[in-house]
Amino acid sequence: RLSPSDADAQQNFGLALNAQGDAAGARDRFLRAQALRPEWADPPIAAAWLLATGERRVRDAPRALALAQQAVRLTGGQDPRALDALAAAYAATGDQARAVTT
């Protein structure tokens, strides 16, 4: 049984849901994991990527950008996954110049 208060379990379930094509369910699990452990960069990275590049029905470019910026702050700008998510979020918001230079 999935523990609703276990950030790792929520994140992993989100990854599984995303792999099965349930983008909305994955988004919800990533955001739940982030709420449970706000200092962990993996959930906002995954959520930002999904919101920037996922199915049209789950895309939310402004939220993707905020999450990606948070992930970059959490990682001190040293995690390439966070930087990739930030570039994708910039592209999703139409800021191609920043997307290319991130």
PDB file of N, CA and C in Angstrom:
ATOM      1  N   ARG A   1       0.841  -1.185   0.000  1.00  0.00           N
ATOM      2  CA  ARG A   1       0.000   0.000   0.000  1.00  0.00           C
ATOM      3  C   ARG A   1       0.885   1.247   0.000  1.00  0.00           C
ATOM      4  N   LEU A   2       0.516   2.231  -0.792  1.00  0.00           N
ATOM      5  CA  LEU A   2       1.279   3.467  -0.931  1.00  0.00           C
ATOM      6  C   LEU A   2       1.028   4.379   0.263  1.00  0.00           C
ATOM      7  N   SER A   3       2.095   4.795   0.897  1.00  0.00           N
ATOM      8  CA  SER A   3       1.976   5.697   2.040  1.00  0.00           C
ATOM      9  C   SER A   3       1.774   7.126   1.551  1.00  0.00           C
ATOM     10  N   PRO A   4       0.686   7.787   1.961  1.00  0.00           N
ATOM     11  CA  PRO A   4       0.440   9.154   1.506  1.00  0.00           C
ATOM     12  C   PRO A   4       1.425  10.163   2.076  1.00  0.00           C
ATOM     13  N   SER A   5       2.201   9.781   3.091  1.00  0.00           N
ATOM     14  CA  SER A   5       3.138  10.724   3.700  1.00  0.00           C
ATOM     15  C   SER A   5       4.597  10.403   3.370  1.00  0.00           C
ATOM     16  N   ASP A   6       4.833   9.509   2.428  1.00  0.00           N
ATOM     17  CA  ASP A   6       6.184   9.116   2.034  1.00  0.00           C
ATOM     18  C   ASP A   6       6.529   9.785   0.704  1.00  0.00           C
ATOM     19  N   ALA A   7       7.405  10.783   0.761  1.00  0.00           N
ATOM     20  CA  ALA A   7       7.772  11.541  -0.441  1.00  0.00           C
ATOM     21  C   ALA A   7       8.409  10.648  -1.498  1.00  0.00           C
ATOM     22  N   ASP A   8       9.273   9.722  -1.075  1.00  0.00           N
ATOM     23  CA  ASP A   8       9.911   8.818  -2.037  1.00  0.00           C
ATOM     24  C   ASP A   8       8.868   7.971  -2.758  1.00  0.00           C
ATOM     25  N   ALA A   9       7.917   7.447  -2.008  1.00  0.00           N
ATOM     26  CA  ALA A   9       6.869   6.618  -2.608  1.00  0.00           C
ATOM     27  C   ALA A   9       6.027   7.433  -3.583  1.00  0.00           C
ATOM     28  N   GLN A  10       5.696   8.652  -3.214  1.00  0.00           N
ATOM     29  CA  GLN A  10       4.904   9.513  -4.100  1.00  0.00           C
ATOM     30  C   GLN A  10       5.672   9.809  -5.382  1.00  0.00           C
ATOM     31  N   GLN A  11       6.966  10.128  -5.257  1.00  0.00           N
ATOM     32  CA  GLN A  11       7.791  10.425  -6.426  1.00  0.00           C
ATOM     33  C   GLN A  11       7.889   9.203  -7.336  1.00  0.00           C
ATOM     34  N   ASN A  12       8.165   8.045  -6.750  1.00  0.00           N
ATOM     35  CA  ASN A  12       8.299   6.829  -7.552  1.00  0.00           C
ATOM     36  C   ASN A  12       6.991   6.439  -8.221  1.00  0.00           C
ATOM     37  N   PHE A  13       5.890   6.636  -7.515  1.00  0.00           N
ATOM     38  CA  PHE A  13       4.590   6.347  -8.118  1.00  0.00           C
ATOM     39  C   PHE A  13       4.331   7.312  -9.276  1.00  0.00           C
ATOM     40  N   GLY A  14       4.722   8.558  -9.109  1.00  0.00           N
ATOM     41  CA  GLY A  14       4.596   9.524 -10.200  1.00  0.00           C
ATOM     42  C   GLY A  14       5.384   9.096 -11.423  1.00  0.00           C
ATOM     43  N   LEU A  15       6.593   8.614 -11.204  1.00  0.00           N
ATOM     44  CA  LEU A  15       7.405   8.133 -12.324  1.00  0.00           C
ATOM     45  C   LEU A  15       6.734   6.956 -13.022  1.00  0.00           C
ATOM     46  N   ALA A  16       6.166   6.051 -12.233  1.00  0.00           N
ATOM     47  CA  ALA A  16       5.474   4.893 -12.813  1.00  0.00           C
ATOM     48  C   ALA A  16       4.240   5.326 -13.589  1.00  0.00           C
ATOM     49  N   LEU A  17       3.476   6.232 -13.018  1.00  0.00           N
ATOM     50  CA  LEU A  17       2.280   6.729 -13.713  1.00  0.00           C
ATOM     51  C   LEU A  17       2.655   7.412 -15.023  1.00  0.00           C
ATOM     52  N   ASN A  18       3.708   8.197 -14.995  1.00  0.00           N
ATOM     53  CA  ASN A  18       4.141   8.886 -16.204  1.00  0.00           C
ATOM     54  C   ASN A  18       4.563   7.880 -17.272  1.00  0.00           C
ATOM     55  N   ALA A  19       5.270   6.838 -16.865  1.00  0.00           N
ATOM     56  CA  ALA A  19       5.697   5.806 -17.812  1.00  0.00           C
ATOM     57  C   ALA A  19       4.503   5.073 -18.422  1.00  0.00           C
ATOM     58  N   GLN A  20       3.404   5.012 -17.686  1.00  0.00           N
ATOM     59  CA  GLN A  20       2.192   4.358 -18.181  1.00  0.00           C
ATOM     60  C   GLN A  20       1.289   5.310 -18.960  1.00  0.00           C
ATOM     61  N   GLY A  21       1.701   6.571 -19.073  1.00  0.00           N
ATOM     62  CA  GLY A  21       0.925   7.531 -19.846  1.00  0.00           C
ATOM     63  C   GLY A  21      -0.097   8.319 -19.056  1.00  0.00           C
ATOM     64  N   ASP A  22      -0.066   8.229 -17.741  1.00  0.00           N
ATOM     65  CA  ASP A  22      -0.998   8.989 -16.901  1.00  0.00           C
ATOM     66  C   ASP A  22      -0.305  10.268 -16.438  1.00  0.00           C
ATOM     67  N   ALA A  23      -0.241  11.244 -17.338  1.00  0.00           N
ATOM     68  CA  ALA A  23       0.477  12.485 -17.045  1.00  0.00           C
ATOM     69  C   ALA A  23      -0.163  13.264 -15.903  1.00  0.00           C
ATOM     70  N   ALA A  24      -1.472  13.313 -15.869  1.00  0.00           N
ATOM     71  CA  ALA A  24      -2.148  14.057 -14.800  1.00  0.00           C
ATOM     72  C   ALA A  24      -1.890  13.410 -13.442  1.00  0.00           C
ATOM     73  N   GLY A  25      -1.952  12.096 -13.381  1.00  0.00           N
ATOM     74  CA  GLY A  25      -1.665  11.400 -12.137  1.00  0.00           C
ATOM     75  C   GLY A  25      -0.221  11.590 -11.711  1.00  0.00           C
ATOM     76  N   ALA A  26       0.692  11.546 -12.679  1.00  0.00           N
ATOM     77  CA  ALA A  26       2.111  11.753 -12.387  1.00  0.00           C
ATOM     78  C   ALA A  26       2.340  13.154 -11.837  1.00  0.00           C
ATOM     79  N   ARG A  27       1.747  14.137 -12.473  1.00  0.00           N
ATOM     80  CA  ARG A  27       1.882  15.524 -12.004  1.00  0.00           C
ATOM     81  C   ARG A  27       1.440  15.644 -10.554  1.00  0.00           C
ATOM     82  N   ASP A  28       0.297  15.064 -10.250  1.00  0.00           N
ATOM     83  CA  ASP A  28      -0.237  15.158  -8.893  1.00  0.00           C
ATOM     84  C   ASP A  28       0.698  14.500  -7.883  1.00  0.00           C
ATOM     85  N   ARG A  29       1.274  13.370  -8.231  1.00  0.00           N
ATOM     86  CA  ARG A  29       2.192  12.675  -7.317  1.00  0.00           C
ATOM     87  C   ARG A  29       3.494  13.447  -7.138  1.00  0.00           C
ATOM     88  N   PHE A  30       4.020  14.026  -8.223  1.00  0.00           N
ATOM     89  CA  PHE A  30       5.239  14.826  -8.107  1.00  0.00           C
ATOM     90  C   PHE A  30       5.006  16.030  -7.185  1.00  0.00           C
ATOM     91  N   LEU A  31       3.874  16.672  -7.368  1.00  0.00           N
ATOM     92  CA  LEU A  31       3.572  17.838  -6.534  1.00  0.00           C
ATOM     93  C   LEU A  31       3.341  17.440  -5.079  1.00  0.00           C
ATOM     94  N   ARG A  32       2.767  16.267  -4.862  1.00  0.00           N
ATOM     95  CA  ARG A  32       2.585  15.772  -3.489  1.00  0.00           C
ATOM     96  C   ARG A  32       3.943  15.485  -2.851  1.00  0.00           C
ATOM     97  N   ALA A  33       4.835  14.857  -3.607  1.00  0.00           N
ATOM     98  CA  ALA A  33       6.183  14.580  -3.093  1.00  0.00           C
ATOM     99  C   ALA A  33       6.905  15.876  -2.755  1.00  0.00           C
ATOM    100  N   GLN A  34       6.728  16.879  -3.594  1.00  0.00           N
ATOM    101  CA  GLN A  34       7.359  18.176  -3.338  1.00  0.00           C
ATOM    102  C   GLN A  34       6.825  18.793  -2.053  1.00  0.00           C
ATOM    103  N   ALA A  35       5.525  18.705  -1.852  1.00  0.00           N
ATOM    104  CA  ALA A  35       4.926  19.261  -0.642  1.00  0.00           C
ATOM    105  C   ALA A  35       5.418  18.531   0.612  1.00  0.00           C
ATOM    106  N   LEU A  36       5.636  17.239   0.481  1.00  0.00           N
ATOM    107  CA  LEU A  36       6.090  16.444   1.618  1.00  0.00           C
ATOM    108  C   LEU A  36       7.556  16.695   1.964  1.00  0.00           C
ATOM    109  N   ARG A  37       8.367  16.953   0.941  1.00  0.00           N
ATOM    110  CA  ARG A  37       9.791  17.178   1.174  1.00  0.00           C
ATOM    111  C   ARG A  37      10.274  18.340   0.297  1.00  0.00           C
ATOM    112  N   PRO A  38       9.981  19.568   0.702  1.00  0.00           N
ATOM    113  CA  PRO A  38      10.269  20.734  -0.142  1.00  0.00           C
ATOM    114  C   PRO A  38      11.751  20.991  -0.416  1.00  0.00           C
ATOM    115  N   GLU A  39      12.638  20.390   0.364  1.00  0.00           N
ATOM    116  CA  GLU A  39      14.074  20.598   0.139  1.00  0.00           C
ATOM    117  C   GLU A  39      14.664  19.630  -0.880  1.00  0.00           C
ATOM    118  N   TRP A  40      13.862  18.689  -1.373  1.00  0.00           N
ATOM    119  CA  TRP A  40      14.302  17.669  -2.328  1.00  0.00           C
ATOM    120  C   TRP A  40      14.047  18.173  -3.742  1.00  0.00           C
ATOM    121  N   ALA A  41      15.051  18.162  -4.573  1.00  0.00           N
ATOM    122  CA  ALA A  41      14.945  18.731  -5.919  1.00  0.00           C
ATOM    123  C   ALA A  41      14.268  17.815  -6.934  1.00  0.00           C
ATOM    124  N   ASP A  42      14.271  16.500  -6.717  1.00  0.00           N
ATOM    125  CA  ASP A  42      13.723  15.591  -7.729  1.00  0.00           C
ATOM    126  C   ASP A  42      12.253  15.855  -8.079  1.00  0.00           C
ATOM    127  N   PRO A  43      11.375  16.047  -7.097  1.00  0.00           N
ATOM    128  CA  PRO A  43       9.972  16.291  -7.464  1.00  0.00           C
ATOM    129  C   PRO A  43       9.749  17.552  -8.311  1.00  0.00           C
ATOM    130  N   PRO A  44      10.328  18.701  -7.946  1.00  0.00           N
ATOM    131  CA  PRO A  44      10.093  19.846  -8.822  1.00  0.00           C
ATOM    132  C   PRO A  44      10.742  19.708 -10.197  1.00  0.00           C
ATOM    133  N   ILE A  45      11.847  18.971 -10.276  1.00  0.00           N
ATOM    134  CA  ILE A  45      12.455  18.721 -11.591  1.00  0.00           C
ATOM    135  C   ILE A  45      11.485  17.914 -12.453  1.00  0.00           C
ATOM    136  N   ALA A  46      10.978  16.830 -11.899  1.00  0.00           N
ATOM    137  CA  ALA A  46      10.064  15.971 -12.661  1.00  0.00           C
ATOM    138  C   ALA A  46       8.779  16.712 -13.022  1.00  0.00           C
ATOM    139  N   ALA A  47       8.233  17.447 -12.067  1.00  0.00           N
ATOM    140  CA  ALA A  47       6.993  18.181 -12.324  1.00  0.00           C
ATOM    141  C   ALA A  47       7.216  19.270 -13.364  1.00  0.00           C
ATOM    142  N   ALA A  48       8.317  20.001 -13.250  1.00  0.00           N
ATOM    143  CA  ALA A  48       8.599  21.078 -14.211  1.00  0.00           C
ATOM    144  C   ALA A  48       8.743  20.519 -15.616  1.00  0.00           C
ATOM    145  N   TRP A  49       9.478  19.424 -15.745  1.00  0.00           N
ATOM    146  CA  TRP A  49       9.668  18.818 -17.071  1.00  0.00           C
ATOM    147  C   TRP A  49       8.326  18.397 -17.667  1.00  0.00           C
ATOM    148  N   LEU A  50       7.510  17.752 -16.847  1.00  0.00           N
ATOM    149  CA  LEU A  50       6.206  17.282 -17.318  1.00  0.00           C
ATOM    150  C   LEU A  50       5.304  18.457 -17.708  1.00  0.00           C
ATOM    151  N   LEU A  51       5.283  19.492 -16.880  1.00  0.00           N
ATOM    152  CA  LEU A  51       4.426  20.646 -17.159  1.00  0.00           C
ATOM    153  C   LEU A  51       4.916  21.454 -18.360  1.00  0.00           C
ATOM    154  N   ALA A  52       6.203  21.370 -18.654  1.00  0.00           N
ATOM    155  CA  ALA A  52       6.756  22.101 -19.801  1.00  0.00           C
ATOM    156  C   ALA A  52       6.685  21.308 -21.096  1.00  0.00           C
ATOM    157  N   THR A  53       6.771  19.986 -21.001  1.00  0.00           N
ATOM    158  CA  THR A  53       6.915  19.175 -22.220  1.00  0.00           C
ATOM    159  C   THR A  53       5.871  18.081 -22.372  1.00  0.00           C
ATOM    160  N   GLY A  54       5.035  17.907 -21.371  1.00  0.00           N
ATOM    161  CA  GLY A  54       4.081  16.806 -21.381  1.00  0.00           C
ATOM    162  C   GLY A  54       2.904  17.026 -22.309  1.00  0.00           C
ATOM    163  N   GLU A  55       1.937  16.153 -22.153  1.00  0.00           N
ATOM    164  CA  GLU A  55       0.712  16.245 -22.953  1.00  0.00           C
ATOM    165  C   GLU A  55       0.097  17.638 -22.805  1.00  0.00           C
ATOM    166  N   ARG A  56      -0.510  18.083 -23.858  1.00  0.00           N
ATOM    167  CA  ARG A  56      -1.088  19.431 -23.880  1.00  0.00           C
ATOM    168  C   ARG A  56      -2.037  19.669 -22.703  1.00  0.00           C
ATOM    169  N   ARG A  57      -2.785  18.635 -22.309  1.00  0.00           N
ATOM    170  CA  ARG A  57      -3.777  18.821 -21.246  1.00  0.00           C
ATOM    171  C   ARG A  57      -3.160  19.038 -19.869  1.00  0.00           C
ATOM    172  N   VAL A  58      -1.881  18.709 -19.696  1.00  0.00           N
ATOM    173  CA  VAL A  58      -1.244  18.940 -18.397  1.00  0.00           C
ATOM    174  C   VAL A  58      -0.218  20.063 -18.441  1.00  0.00           C
ATOM    175  N   ARG A  59       0.019  20.613 -19.599  1.00  0.00           N
ATOM    176  CA  ARG A  59       1.028  21.674 -19.702  1.00  0.00           C
ATOM    177  C   ARG A  59       0.587  22.918 -18.943  1.00  0.00           C
ATOM    178  N   ASP A  60       1.555  23.506 -18.278  1.00  0.00           N
ATOM    179  CA  ASP A  60       1.345  24.746 -17.521  1.00  0.00           C
ATOM    180  C   ASP A  60       2.703  25.437 -17.463  1.00  0.00           C
ATOM    181  N   ALA A  61       3.007  26.224 -18.490  1.00  0.00           N
ATOM    182  CA  ALA A  61       4.334  26.811 -18.628  1.00  0.00           C
ATOM    183  C   ALA A  61       4.722  27.708 -17.451  1.00  0.00           C
ATOM    184  N   PRO A  62       3.846  28.594 -16.976  1.00  0.00           N
ATOM    185  CA  PRO A  62       4.259  29.425 -15.834  1.00  0.00           C
ATOM    186  C   PRO A  62       4.592  28.604 -14.580  1.00  0.00           C
ATOM    187  N   ARG A  63       3.804  27.594 -14.320  1.00  0.00           N
ATOM    188  CA  ARG A  63       4.077  26.748 -13.147  1.00  0.00           C
ATOM    189  C   ARG A  63       5.353  25.937 -13.371  1.00  0.00           C
ATOM    190  N   ALA A  64       5.562  25.461 -14.587  1.00  0.00           N
ATOM    191  CA  ALA A  64       6.797  24.733 -14.906  1.00  0.00           C
ATOM    192  C   ALA A  64       8.010  25.611 -14.649  1.00  0.00           C
ATOM    193  N   LEU A  65       7.920  26.861 -15.049  1.00  0.00           N
ATOM    194  CA  LEU A  65       9.033  27.786 -14.851  1.00  0.00           C
ATOM    195  C   LEU A  65       9.310  27.995 -13.365  1.00  0.00           C
ATOM    196  N   ALA A  66       8.275  28.208 -12.579  1.00  0.00           N
ATOM    197  CA  ALA A  66       8.460  28.401 -11.138  1.00  0.00           C
ATOM    198  C   ALA A  66       9.084  27.165 -10.489  1.00  0.00           C
ATOM    199  N   LEU A  67       8.616  25.989 -10.870  1.00  0.00           N
ATOM    200  CA  LEU A  67       9.158  24.751 -10.308  1.00  0.00           C
ATOM    201  C   LEU A  67      10.608  24.529 -10.729  1.00  0.00           C
ATOM    202  N   ALA A  68      10.912  24.795 -11.983  1.00  0.00           N
ATOM    203  CA  ALA A  68      12.281  24.623 -12.471  1.00  0.00           C
ATOM    204  C   ALA A  68      13.227  25.604 -11.784  1.00  0.00           C
ATOM    205  N   GLN A  69      12.786  26.836 -11.603  1.00  0.00           N
ATOM    206  CA  GLN A  69      13.615  27.811 -10.903  1.00  0.00           C
ATOM    207  C   GLN A  69      13.868  27.366  -9.465  1.00  0.00           C
ATOM    208  N   GLN A  70      12.849  26.809  -8.833  1.00  0.00           N
ATOM    209  CA  GLN A  70      13.011  26.285  -7.479  1.00  0.00           C
ATOM    210  C   GLN A  70      14.030  25.153  -7.467  1.00  0.00           C
ATOM    211  N   ALA A  71      13.935  24.244  -8.430  1.00  0.00           N
ATOM    212  CA  ALA A  71      14.867  23.116  -8.499  1.00  0.00           C
ATOM    213  C   ALA A  71      16.299  23.600  -8.697  1.00  0.00           C
ATOM    214  N   VAL A  72      16.475  24.595  -9.534  1.00  0.00           N
ATOM    215  CA  VAL A  72      17.822  25.140  -9.755  1.00  0.00           C
ATOM    216  C   VAL A  72      18.355  25.751  -8.462  1.00  0.00           C
ATOM    217  N   ARG A  73      17.503  26.464  -7.739  1.00  0.00           N
ATOM    218  CA  ARG A  73      17.930  27.021  -6.442  1.00  0.00           C
ATOM    219  C   ARG A  73      18.303  25.904  -5.469  1.00  0.00           C
ATOM    220  N   LEU A  74      17.484  24.873  -5.412  1.00  0.00           N
ATOM    221  CA  LEU A  74      17.743  23.769  -4.489  1.00  0.00           C
ATOM    222  C   LEU A  74      19.054  23.054  -4.785  1.00  0.00           C
ATOM    223  N   THR A  75      19.434  23.010  -6.048  1.00  0.00           N
ATOM    224  CA  THR A  75      20.651  22.298  -6.443  1.00  0.00           C
ATOM    225  C   THR A  75      21.838  23.228  -6.627  1.00  0.00           C
ATOM    226  N   GLY A  76      21.648  24.498  -6.339  1.00  0.00           N
ATOM    227  CA  GLY A  76      22.739  25.448  -6.512  1.00  0.00           C
ATOM    228  C   GLY A  76      23.180  25.579  -7.958  1.00  0.00           C
ATOM    229  N   GLY A  77      22.277  25.262  -8.871  1.00  0.00           N
ATOM    230  CA  GLY A  77      22.589  25.356 -10.293  1.00  0.00           C
ATOM    231  C   GLY A  77      23.555  24.290 -10.777  1.00  0.00           C
ATOM    232  N   GLN A  78      23.725  23.223  -9.989  1.00  0.00           N
ATOM    233  CA  GLN A  78      24.717  22.202 -10.320  1.00  0.00           C
ATOM    234  C   GLN A  78      24.125  20.899 -10.874  1.00  0.00           C
ATOM    235  N   ASP A  79      22.815  20.789 -10.923  1.00  0.00           N
ATOM    236  CA  ASP A  79      22.189  19.556 -11.412  1.00  0.00           C
ATOM    237  C   ASP A  79      21.742  19.768 -12.853  1.00  0.00           C
ATOM    238  N   PRO A  80      22.309  19.021 -13.797  1.00  0.00           N
ATOM    239  CA  PRO A  80      21.932  19.216 -15.204  1.00  0.00           C
ATOM    240  C   PRO A  80      20.456  18.941 -15.473  1.00  0.00           C
ATOM    241  N   ARG A  81      19.836  18.065 -14.680  1.00  0.00           N
ATOM    242  CA  ARG A  81      18.401  17.796 -14.866  1.00  0.00           C
ATOM    243  C   ARG A  81      17.581  19.032 -14.535  1.00  0.00           C
ATOM    244  N   ALA A  82      17.977  19.744 -13.498  1.00  0.00           N
ATOM    245  CA  ALA A  82      17.271  20.975 -13.132  1.00  0.00           C
ATOM    246  C   ALA A  82      17.460  22.034 -14.215  1.00  0.00           C
ATOM    247  N   LEU A  83      18.661  22.121 -14.739  1.00  0.00           N
ATOM    248  CA  LEU A  83      18.924  23.093 -15.807  1.00  0.00           C
ATOM    249  C   LEU A  83      18.180  22.731 -17.083  1.00  0.00           C
ATOM    250  N   ASP A  84      18.088  21.437 -17.395  1.00  0.00           N
ATOM    251  CA  ASP A  84      17.296  21.000 -18.556  1.00  0.00           C
ATOM    252  C   ASP A  84      15.830  21.361 -18.375  1.00  0.00           C
ATOM    253  N   ALA A  85      15.309  21.130 -17.164  1.00  0.00           N
ATOM    254  CA  ALA A  85      13.910  21.474 -16.883  1.00  0.00           C
ATOM    255  C   ALA A  85      13.702  22.975 -17.014  1.00  0.00           C
ATOM    256  N   LEU A  86      14.672  23.758 -16.545  1.00  0.00           N
ATOM    257  CA  LEU A  86      14.564  25.215 -16.660  1.00  0.00           C
ATOM    258  C   LEU A  86      14.570  25.642 -18.125  1.00  0.00           C
ATOM    259  N   ALA A  87      15.443  25.067 -18.923  1.00  0.00           N
ATOM    260  CA  ALA A  87      15.481  25.393 -20.358  1.00  0.00           C
ATOM    261  C   ALA A  87      14.161  25.030 -21.028  1.00  0.00           C
ATOM    262  N   ALA A  88      13.617  23.867 -20.688  1.00  0.00           N
ATOM    263  CA  ALA A  88      12.336  23.454 -21.269  1.00  0.00           C
ATOM    264  C   ALA A  88      11.219  24.392 -20.832  1.00  0.00           C
ATOM    265  N   ALA A  89      11.253  24.829 -19.587  1.00  0.00           N
ATOM    266  CA  ALA A  89      10.227  25.749 -19.092  1.00  0.00           C
ATOM    267  C   ALA A  89      10.335  27.103 -19.776  1.00  0.00           C
ATOM    268  N   TYR A  90      11.565  27.582 -19.956  1.00  0.00           N
ATOM    269  CA  TYR A  90      11.723  28.837 -20.698  1.00  0.00           C
ATOM    270  C   TYR A  90      11.162  28.698 -22.111  1.00  0.00           C
ATOM    271  N   ALA A  91      11.460  27.598 -22.773  1.00  0.00           N
ATOM    272  CA  ALA A  91      10.946  27.368 -24.124  1.00  0.00           C
ATOM    273  C   ALA A  91       9.424  27.321 -24.114  1.00  0.00           C
ATOM    274  N   ALA A  92       8.862  26.663 -23.114  1.00  0.00           N
ATOM    275  CA  ALA A  92       7.400  26.555 -23.030  1.00  0.00           C
ATOM    276  C   ALA A  92       6.736  27.902 -22.815  1.00  0.00           C
ATOM    277  N   THR A  93       7.433  28.819 -22.147  1.00  0.00           N
ATOM    278  CA  THR A  93       6.872  30.158 -21.932  1.00  0.00           C
ATOM    279  C   THR A  93       7.146  31.078 -23.117  1.00  0.00           C
ATOM    280  N   GLY A  94       7.882  30.581 -24.104  1.00  0.00           N
ATOM    281  CA  GLY A  94       8.174  31.377 -25.295  1.00  0.00           C
ATOM    282  C   GLY A  94       9.467  32.157 -25.209  1.00  0.00           C
ATOM    283  N   ASP A  95      10.237  31.976 -24.156  1.00  0.00           N
ATOM    284  CA  ASP A  95      11.500  32.692 -23.980  1.00  0.00           C
ATOM    285  C   ASP A  95      12.632  31.843 -24.562  1.00  0.00           C
ATOM    286  N   GLN A  96      12.718  31.835 -25.871  1.00  0.00           N
ATOM    287  CA  GLN A  96      13.693  30.999 -26.571  1.00  0.00           C
ATOM    288  C   GLN A  96      15.137  31.415 -26.267  1.00  0.00           C
ATOM    289  N   ALA A  97      15.366  32.705 -26.088  1.00  0.00           N
ATOM    290  CA  ALA A  97      16.727  33.169 -25.817  1.00  0.00           C
ATOM    291  C   ALA A  97      17.253  32.573 -24.526  1.00  0.00           C
ATOM    292  N   ARG A  98      16.450  32.593 -23.477  1.00  0.00           N
ATOM    293  CA  ARG A  98      16.891  32.002 -22.213  1.00  0.00           C
ATOM    294  C   ARG A  98      16.957  30.483 -22.283  1.00  0.00           C
ATOM    295  N   ALA A  99      16.053  29.906 -23.055  1.00  0.00           N
ATOM    296  CA  ALA A  99      16.059  28.440 -23.202  1.00  0.00           C
ATOM    297  C   ALA A  99      17.381  27.980 -23.798  1.00  0.00           C
ATOM    298  N   VAL A 100      17.868  28.705 -24.773  1.00  0.00           N
ATOM    299  CA  VAL A 100      19.099  28.320 -25.466  1.00  0.00           C
ATOM    300  C   VAL A 100      20.331  28.540 -24.590  1.00  0.00           C
ATOM    301  N   THR A 101      20.313  29.565 -23.770  1.00  0.00           N
ATOM    302  CA  THR A 101      21.492  29.888 -22.962  1.00  0.00           C
ATOM    303  C   THR A 101      21.502  29.224 -21.593  1.00  0.00           C
ATOM    304  N   THR A 102      20.456  28.498 -21.242  1.00  0.00           N
ATOM    305  CA  THR A 102      20.404  27.847 -19.923  1.00  0.00           C
ATOM    306  C   THR A 102      21.185  26.548 -19.950  1.00  0.00           C
TER     307      THR A 102
END
